[in-house]
C-alpha atoms as a PDB file:
ATOM      1  CA  MET A   1       0.000   0.000   0.000  1.00  0.00           C
ATOM      2  CA  ASN A   2       1.378   3.408  -0.902  1.00  0.00           C
ATOM      3  CA  ASP A   3       1.761   5.987   1.925  1.00  0.00           C
ATOM      4  CA  LEU A   4       0.028   9.101   0.621  1.00  0.00           C
ATOM      5  CA  SER A   5       0.728  11.248   3.769  1.00  0.00           C
ATOM      6  CA  LEU A   6       2.679  14.457   3.261  1.00  0.00           C
ATOM      7  CA  PRO A   7       6.239  14.667   4.591  1.00  0.00           C
ATOM      8  CA  PRO A   8       6.752  16.853   7.698  1.00  0.00           C
ATOM      9  CA  PRO A   9       7.760  20.450   7.019  1.00  0.00           C
ATOM     10  CA  PRO A  10      11.429  21.285   7.383  1.00  0.00           C
ATOM     11  CA  PRO A  11      12.507  22.711  10.754  1.00  0.00           C
ATOM     12  CA  PRO A  12      12.652  26.513  10.962  1.00  0.00           C
ATOM     13  CA  PRO A  13      16.070  28.089  10.612  1.00  0.00           C
ATOM     14  CA  PRO A  14      17.825  28.703  13.941  1.00  0.00           C
ATOM     15  CA  LEU A  15      17.369  32.125  15.479  1.00  0.00           C
ATOM     16  CA  PRO A  16      20.459  34.269  15.848  1.00  0.00           C
ATOM     17  CA  ASN A  17      22.007  33.991  19.283  1.00  0.00           C
ATOM     18  CA  ALA A  18      20.908  36.870  21.492  1.00  0.00           C
ATOM     19  CA  ALA A  19      23.384  38.342  23.939  1.00  0.00           C
ATOM     20  CA  PRO A  20      22.581  36.993  27.454  1.00  0.00           C
ATOM     21  CA  ARG A  21      21.346  39.450  30.052  1.00  0.00           C
ATOM     22  CA  THR A  22      23.657  39.334  33.058  1.00  0.00           C
ATOM     23  CA  VAL A  23      24.123  40.950  36.430  1.00  0.00           C
ATOM     24  CA  PRO A  24      27.824  41.139  37.340  1.00  0.00           C
ATOM     25  CA  LEU A  25      28.655  39.305  40.553  1.00  0.00           C
ATOM     26  CA  ALA A  26      30.887  42.139  41.660  1.00  0.00           C
ATOM     27  CA  GLY A  27      30.890  45.072  44.049  1.00  0.00           C
ATOM     28  CA  MET A  28      27.841  45.168  46.334  1.00  0.00           C
ATOM     29  CA  ARG A  29      26.321  42.083  44.694  1.00  0.00           C
ATOM     30  CA  ALA A  30      29.507  40.095  45.350  1.00  0.00           C
ATOM     31  CA  ALA A  31      29.620  41.228  48.981  1.00  0.00           C
ATOM     32  CA  ILE A  32      25.982  40.210  49.457  1.00  0.00           C
ATOM     33  CA  ALA A  33      26.688  36.840  47.845  1.00  0.00           C
ATOM     34  CA  ARG A  34      29.591  36.193  50.225  1.00  0.00           C
ATOM     35  CA  ASN A  35      27.555  37.175  53.281  1.00  0.00           C
ATOM     36  CA  MET A  36      24.584  35.075  52.219  1.00  0.00           C
ATOM     37  CA  GLU A  37      26.785  32.051  51.574  1.00  0.00           C
ATOM     38  CA  GLN A  38      28.336  32.400  55.016  1.00  0.00           C
ATOM     39  CA  GLY A  39      24.915  32.759  56.649  1.00  0.00           C
ATOM     40  CA  TRP A  40      23.519  29.800  54.699  1.00  0.00           C
ATOM     41  CA  ARG A  41      26.127  27.494  56.251  1.00  0.00           C
ATOM     42  CA  VAL A  42      24.789  28.215  59.737  1.00  0.00           C
ATOM     43  CA  PRO A  43      22.795  25.317  61.298  1.00  0.00           C
ATOM     44  CA  ARG A  44      19.619  27.373  61.444  1.00  0.00           C
ATOM     45  CA  VAL A  45      16.131  26.700  62.749  1.00  0.00           C
ATOM     46  CA  ALA A  46      12.966  28.682  61.970  1.00  0.00           C
ATOM     47  CA  GLN A  47       9.964  29.393  64.198  1.00  0.00           C
ATOM     48  CA  THR A  48       6.796  31.270  63.204  1.00  0.00           C
ATOM     49  CA  ILE A  49       4.018  32.896  65.192  1.00  0.00           C
ATOM     50  CA  GLY A  50       0.985  35.039  64.373  1.00  0.00           C
ATOM     51  CA  VAL A  51       0.382  38.328  66.199  1.00  0.00           C
ATOM     52  CA  ASP A  52      -2.935  40.134  66.597  1.00  0.00           C
ATOM     53  CA  VAL A  53      -2.091  43.818  66.020  1.00  0.00           C
ATOM     54  CA  SER A  54      -5.545  45.194  66.905  1.00  0.00           C
ATOM     55  CA  LYS A  55      -4.222  47.190  69.874  1.00  0.00           C
ATOM     56  CA  LEU A  56      -1.276  48.527  67.873  1.00  0.00           C
ATOM     57  CA  GLN A  57      -3.619  49.704  65.143  1.00  0.00           C
ATOM     58  CA  ALA A  58      -5.841  51.356  67.753  1.00  0.00           C
ATOM     59  CA  LEU A  59      -2.761  53.003  69.281  1.00  0.00           C
ATOM     60  CA  ARG A  60      -1.807  54.391  65.877  1.00  0.00           C
ATOM     61  CA  ALA A  61      -5.321  55.577  65.133  1.00  0.00           C
ATOM     62  CA  ALA A  62      -5.516  57.455  68.447  1.00  0.00           C
ATOM     63  CA  ALA A  63      -2.338  59.426  67.744  1.00  0.00           C
ATOM     64  CA  PRO A  64      -2.457  62.772  65.897  1.00  0.00           C
ATOM     65  CA  ALA A  65      -2.033  62.306  62.137  1.00  0.00           C
ATOM     66  CA  GLY A  66       1.392  63.931  62.079  1.00  0.00           C
ATOM     67  CA  SER A  67       2.826  61.799  64.863  1.00  0.00           C
ATOM     68  CA  ARG A  68       1.592  58.300  64.023  1.00  0.00           C
ATOM     69  CA  VAL A  69       4.162  55.551  64.403  1.00  0.00           C
ATOM     70  CA  SER A  70       4.470  52.747  61.866  1.00  0.00           C
ATOM     71  CA  LEU A  71       3.883  49.133  62.813  1.00  0.00           C
ATOM     72  CA  THR A  72       7.533  48.489  61.934  1.00  0.00           C
ATOM     73  CA  ALA A  73       8.634  50.996  64.578  1.00  0.00           C
ATOM     74  CA  TYR A  74       6.513  49.238  67.191  1.00  0.00           C
ATOM     75  CA  VAL A  75       8.064  45.916  66.175  1.00  0.00           C
ATOM     76  CA  LEU A  76      11.567  47.380  66.504  1.00  0.00           C
ATOM     77  CA  ARG A  77      10.754  48.741  69.954  1.00  0.00           C
ATOM     78  CA  ALA A  78       9.265  45.438  71.126  1.00  0.00           C
ATOM     79  CA  VAL A  79      12.193  43.433  69.710  1.00  0.00           C
ATOM     80  CA  ALA A  80      14.697  45.669  71.505  1.00  0.00           C
ATOM     81  CA  LEU A  81      12.904  45.274  74.847  1.00  0.00           C
ATOM     82  CA  CYS A  82      12.634  41.495  74.405  1.00  0.00           C
ATOM     83  CA  LEU A  83      16.344  41.193  73.616  1.00  0.00           C
ATOM     84  CA  VAL A  84      17.153  42.784  76.975  1.00  0.00           C
ATOM     85  CA  ASP A  85      15.136  40.017  78.653  1.00  0.00           C
ATOM     86  CA  HIS A  86      16.452  37.277  76.339  1.00  0.00           C
ATOM     87  CA  PRO A  87      20.183  38.025  75.970  1.00  0.00           C
ATOM     88  CA  ARG A  88      21.008  34.702  74.281  1.00  0.00           C
ATOM     89  CA  LEU A  89      19.410  36.126  71.132  1.00  0.00           C
ATOM     90  CA  ASN A  90      21.404  39.371  71.396  1.00  0.00           C
ATOM     91  CA  ALA A  91      24.759  37.774  70.765  1.00  0.00           C
ATOM     92  CA  ARG A  92      27.380  36.811  68.232  1.00  0.00           C
ATOM     93  CA  ILE A  93      29.068  33.485  67.781  1.00  0.00           C
ATOM     94  CA  ARG A  94      32.851  33.248  67.686  1.00  0.00           C
ATOM     95  CA  GLU A  95      35.219  30.378  67.045  1.00  0.00           C
ATOM     96  CA  LYS A  96      35.276  29.098  70.630  1.00  0.00           C
ATOM     97  CA  ASP A  97      32.522  30.953  72.453  1.00  0.00           C
ATOM     98  CA  ILE A  98      29.267  32.889  72.249  1.00  0.00           C
ATOM     99  CA  GLU A  99      29.562  36.562  73.163  1.00  0.00           C
ATOM    100  CA  LEU A 100      26.476  37.966  74.894  1.00  0.00           C
ATOM    101  CA  LEU A 101      26.274  41.658  74.035  1.00  0.00           C
ATOM    102  CA  ASP A 102      25.228  44.498  76.328  1.00  0.00           C
ATOM    103  CA  ASP A 103      24.227  46.952  73.594  1.00  0.00           C
ATOM    104  CA  VAL A 104      21.066  46.254  71.599  1.00  0.00           C
ATOM    105  CA  ASN A 105      21.883  47.385  68.058  1.00  0.00           C
ATOM    106  CA  LEU A 106      19.197  46.450  65.555  1.00  0.00           C
ATOM    107  CA  GLY A 107      20.073  45.946  61.911  1.00  0.00           C
ATOM    108  CA  LEU A 108      17.226  46.942  59.579  1.00  0.00           C
ATOM    109  CA  ALA A 109      17.269  45.342  56.127  1.00  0.00           C
ATOM    110  CA  VAL A 110      16.755  47.921  53.347  1.00  0.00           C
ATOM    111  CA  SER A 111      16.138  46.859  49.751  1.00  0.00           C
ATOM    112  CA  LEU A 112      18.032  48.750  47.036  1.00  0.00           C
ATOM    113  CA  ASP A 113      18.030  48.235  43.280  1.00  0.00           C
ATOM    114  CA  GLU A 114      21.623  47.021  43.613  1.00  0.00           C
ATOM    115  CA  GLY A 115      20.959  44.677  46.528  1.00  0.00           C
ATOM    116  CA  LEU A 116      20.309  44.573  50.259  1.00  0.00           C
ATOM    117  CA  MET A 117      21.870  46.862  52.859  1.00  0.00           C
ATOM    118  CA  VAL A 118      21.485  46.656  56.647  1.00  0.00           C
ATOM    119  CA  PRO A 119      22.071  49.924  58.514  1.00  0.00           C
ATOM    120  CA  VAL A 120      22.074  49.705  62.292  1.00  0.00           C
ATOM    121  CA  LEU A 121      19.878  51.398  64.910  1.00  0.00           C
ATOM    122  CA  ARG A 122      22.192  51.687  67.907  1.00  0.00           C
ATOM    123  CA  ASN A 123      21.031  51.325  71.527  1.00  0.00           C
ATOM    124  CA  ALA A 124      17.530  50.579  70.295  1.00  0.00           C
ATOM    125  CA  ASP A 125      16.319  49.539  73.751  1.00  0.00           C
ATOM    126  CA  LEU A 126      16.847  53.098  75.003  1.00  0.00           C
ATOM    127  CA  LYS A 127      14.686  54.712  72.297  1.00  0.00           C
ATOM    128  CA  SER A 128      10.936  55.115  71.919  1.00  0.00           C
ATOM    129  CA  ALA A 129       8.975  53.690  69.018  1.00  0.00           C
ATOM    130  CA  ALA A 130       8.682  57.198  67.557  1.00  0.00           C
ATOM    131  CA  GLU A 131      12.461  57.704  67.778  1.00  0.00           C
ATOM    132  CA  LEU A 132      13.150  54.315  66.224  1.00  0.00           C
ATOM    133  CA  GLY A 133      10.671  54.978  63.424  1.00  0.00           C
ATOM    134  CA  GLU A 134      12.248  58.320  62.537  1.00  0.00           C
ATOM    135  CA  GLU A 135      15.806  56.956  62.732  1.00  0.00           C
ATOM    136  CA  ALA A 136      14.832  53.963  60.589  1.00  0.00           C
ATOM    137  CA  ARG A 137      13.354  56.323  57.983  1.00  0.00           C
ATOM    138  CA  VAL A 138      16.519  58.450  57.901  1.00  0.00           C
ATOM    139  CA  LEU A 139      18.810  55.411  57.680  1.00  0.00           C
ATOM    140  CA  ALA A 140      16.745  53.776  54.930  1.00  0.00           C
ATOM    141  CA  ASP A 141      16.749  57.002  52.921  1.00  0.00           C
ATOM    142  CA  GLY A 142      20.488  57.411  53.436  1.00  0.00           C
ATOM    143  CA  ALA A 143      21.152  53.810  52.388  1.00  0.00           C
ATOM    144  CA  ARG A 144      19.122  54.220  49.182  1.00  0.00           C
ATOM    145  CA  ARG A 145      20.926  57.461  48.328  1.00  0.00           C
ATOM    146  CA  GLY A 146      24.372  56.097  49.204  1.00  0.00           C
ATOM    147  CA  LEU A 147      24.937  58.719  51.891  1.00  0.00           C
ATOM    148  CA  LEU A 148      25.724  56.500  54.893  1.00  0.00           C
ATOM    149  CA  SER A 149      29.225  55.890  56.201  1.00  0.00           C
ATOM    150  CA  ALA A 150      30.626  52.388  56.582  1.00  0.00           C
ATOM    151  CA  GLY A 151      30.133  52.699  60.337  1.00  0.00           C
ATOM    152  CA  SER A 152      26.374  52.915  59.848  1.00  0.00           C
ATOM    153  CA  TYR A 153      26.384  49.236  58.867  1.00  0.00           C
ATOM    154  CA  GLN A 154      28.577  47.917  61.677  1.00  0.00           C
ATOM    155  CA  ARG A 155      28.091  46.502  65.191  1.00  0.00           C
ATOM    156  CA  GLY A 156      24.617  45.086  64.657  1.00  0.00           C
ATOM    157  CA  THR A 157      23.550  42.527  67.273  1.00  0.00           C
ATOM    158  CA  PHE A 158      20.215  41.341  65.777  1.00  0.00           C
ATOM    159  CA  THR A 159      18.482  42.015  62.461  1.00  0.00           C
ATOM    160  CA  VAL A 160      14.869  42.719  61.479  1.00  0.00           C
ATOM    161  CA  THR A 161      13.702  42.374  57.881  1.00  0.00           C
ATOM    162  CA  ASN A 162      10.179  43.387  56.883  1.00  0.00           C
ATOM    163  CA  LEU A 163       8.413  42.160  53.735  1.00  0.00           C
ATOM    164  CA  GLY A 164       4.990  43.222  54.927  1.00  0.00           C
ATOM    165  CA  ASN A 165       4.361  45.570  52.000  1.00  0.00           C
ATOM    166  CA  THR A 166       4.930  42.792  49.441  1.00  0.00           C
ATOM    167  CA  GLY A 167       1.962  40.610  50.396  1.00  0.00           C
ATOM    168  CA  ILE A 168       4.205  37.727  51.486  1.00  0.00           C
ATOM    169  CA  ASP A 169       2.778  35.396  54.158  1.00  0.00           C
ATOM    170  CA  ALA A 170       5.958  33.585  55.245  1.00  0.00           C
ATOM    171  CA  PHE A 171       9.701  33.423  54.604  1.00  0.00           C
ATOM    172  CA  THR A 172      12.901  32.323  56.333  1.00  0.00           C
ATOM    173  CA  PRO A 173      15.527  35.080  56.211  1.00  0.00           C
ATOM    174  CA  ILE A 174      19.232  34.271  56.334  1.00  0.00           C
ATOM    175  CA  ILE A 175      21.111  35.159  59.507  1.00  0.00           C
ATOM    176  CA  SER A 176      23.654  37.958  59.253  1.00  0.00           C
ATOM    177  CA  SER A 177      26.628  36.057  60.668  1.00  0.00           C
ATOM    178  CA  PRO A 178      28.164  36.314  63.284  1.00  0.00           C
ATOM    179  CA  GLN A 179      24.807  37.399  64.729  1.00  0.00           C
ATOM    180  CA  VAL A 180      22.805  34.459  66.042  1.00  0.00           C
ATOM    181  CA  ALA A 181      19.263  35.417  64.992  1.00  0.00           C
ATOM    182  CA  ILE A 182      17.111  37.393  62.571  1.00  0.00           C
ATOM    183  CA  LEU A 183      13.401  38.242  62.574  1.00  0.00           C
ATOM    184  CA  GLY A 184      11.293  38.336  59.421  1.00  0.00           C
ATOM    185  CA  VAL A 185       8.019  40.288  59.419  1.00  0.00           C
ATOM    186  CA  THR A 186       5.198  39.609  56.954  1.00  0.00           C
ATOM    187  CA  ARG A 187       1.955  41.301  56.023  1.00  0.00           C
ATOM    188  CA  VAL A 188      -1.022  42.110  58.206  1.00  0.00           C
ATOM    189  CA  GLU A 189      -4.086  40.193  57.040  1.00  0.00           C
ATOM    190  CA  ASP A 190      -7.542  39.788  58.555  1.00  0.00           C
ATOM    191  CA  LYS A 191      -7.908  36.199  59.754  1.00  0.00           C
ATOM    192  CA  PRO A 192     -10.490  34.351  61.860  1.00  0.00           C
ATOM    193  CA  VAL A 193      -9.603  34.073  65.557  1.00  0.00           C
ATOM    194  CA  VAL A 194     -11.539  32.934  68.617  1.00  0.00           C
ATOM    195  CA  ARG A 195     -12.350  35.579  71.232  1.00  0.00           C
ATOM    196  CA  ASP A 196     -14.599  34.811  74.193  1.00  0.00           C
ATOM    197  CA  GLY A 197     -15.880  31.735  72.409  1.00  0.00           C
ATOM    198  CA  ALA A 198     -16.803  33.599  69.212  1.00  0.00           C
ATOM    199  CA  ILE A 199     -15.037  33.592  65.857  1.00  0.00           C
ATOM    200  CA  VAL A 200     -14.126  37.120  64.770  1.00  0.00           C
ATOM    201  CA  ALA A 201     -11.825  38.701  62.200  1.00  0.00           C
ATOM    202  CA  ALA A 202      -8.555  40.089  63.533  1.00  0.00           C
ATOM    203  CA  PRO A 203      -5.581  41.781  61.829  1.00  0.00           C
ATOM    204  CA  MET A 204      -2.790  39.199  62.090  1.00  0.00           C
ATOM    205  CA  MET A 205       0.904  39.847  61.421  1.00  0.00           C
ATOM    206  CA  GLY A 206       3.416  37.069  60.801  1.00  0.00           C
ATOM    207  CA  LEU A 207       6.707  36.928  62.727  1.00  0.00           C
ATOM    208  CA  HIS A 208       9.369  34.473  61.547  1.00  0.00           C
ATOM    209  CA  LEU A 209      12.423  33.928  63.740  1.00  0.00           C
ATOM    210  CA  VAL A 210      15.505  32.178  62.348  1.00  0.00           C
ATOM    211  CA  PHE A 211      18.286  31.360  64.826  1.00  0.00           C
ATOM    212  CA  ASP A 212      21.668  29.671  64.929  1.00  0.00           C
ATOM    213  CA  HIS A 213      21.175  26.373  66.766  1.00  0.00           C
ATOM    214  CA  ARG A 214      24.821  26.350  67.807  1.00  0.00           C
ATOM    215  CA  ALA A 215      24.138  29.385  70.002  1.00  0.00           C
ATOM    216  CA  VAL A 216      20.449  29.073  70.905  1.00  0.00           C
ATOM    217  CA  ASP A 217      18.208  26.070  71.506  1.00  0.00           C
ATOM    218  CA  GLY A 218      14.603  25.865  70.402  1.00  0.00           C
ATOM    219  CA  TYR A 219      13.000  26.419  73.799  1.00  0.00           C
ATOM    220  CA  PRO A 220      14.677  29.748  74.715  1.00  0.00           C
ATOM    221  CA  ALA A 221      14.142  30.942  71.145  1.00  0.00           C
ATOM    222  CA  ALA A 222      10.440  30.105  71.463  1.00  0.00           C
ATOM    223  CA  LEU A 223      10.258  31.989  74.769  1.00  0.00           C
ATOM    224  CA  PHE A 224      11.690  35.068  73.022  1.00  0.00           C
ATOM    225  CA  LEU A 225       9.174  34.823  70.189  1.00  0.00           C
ATOM    226  CA  THR A 226       6.168  34.284  72.456  1.00  0.00           C
ATOM    227  CA  ASP A 227       7.303  37.184  74.665  1.00  0.00           C
ATOM    228  CA  LEU A 228       7.525  39.357  71.556  1.00  0.00           C
ATOM    229  CA  LYS A 229       3.991  38.320  70.592  1.00  0.00           C
ATOM    230  CA  ARG A 230       2.740  39.148  74.092  1.00  0.00           C
ATOM    231  CA  ARG A 231       4.297  42.612  74.066  1.00  0.00           C
ATOM    232  CA  LEU A 232       2.932  43.487  70.652  1.00  0.00           C
ATOM    233  CA  GLU A 233      -0.566  42.198  71.332  1.00  0.00           C
ATOM    234  CA  ALA A 234      -0.723  44.071  74.641  1.00  0.00           C
ATOM    235  CA  ALA A 235       0.983  47.167  73.180  1.00  0.00           C
ATOM    236  CA  GLU A 236       3.061  47.004  76.346  1.00  0.00           C
ATOM    237  CA  ASP A 237       5.611  49.826  76.899  1.00  0.00           C
ATOM    238  CA  LEU A 238       5.389  50.733  73.223  1.00  0.00           C
END
């Protein structure tokens, strides 16, 4: 029997090779890559908790429009106070020991087009939420404009990174070694919670703690995170 089917069409000619789009692994990007690789090698553990920010939102709403404090500033204030009570998280790991630090210096991750920078809010436990919010704004602006000195990025004891404005629900940030912990903050979203036996909607924020298990065990890390939740939900000393 003759095969009357048509032969397949010839393949199309190959397209000319386009020049690849690349981002040089140099300068700031190379420094970030080195730091991330070092942090990735840490034996890390992640813990997550949800926080009802109803009282924080009410606190903000009650303040005059020109003096309202951001939720991030309240988080920074609460973190600083909790680190005083949980010094194992306010530390850095060295070759043969773990150094517990007296100063509470919070690194605040700032996203730039070129990469990620982490300026430091020094002695954060001695500052109000309003002071921390204003200093964080100035440091973030300075980092984006390239106006900060090298010293502005040094001596951090704990880092906070906030992706709340991106709509992200959860992530596990990489520790800024030799620090022993980092806190990730995610968006506020109305979720069902039980209050007095009734299901109601509440604005819930996600907190995601990543810690170096060489320096901190799971139980004390959990105590820090639950204490942070308690402070934020009660708007205590904020």
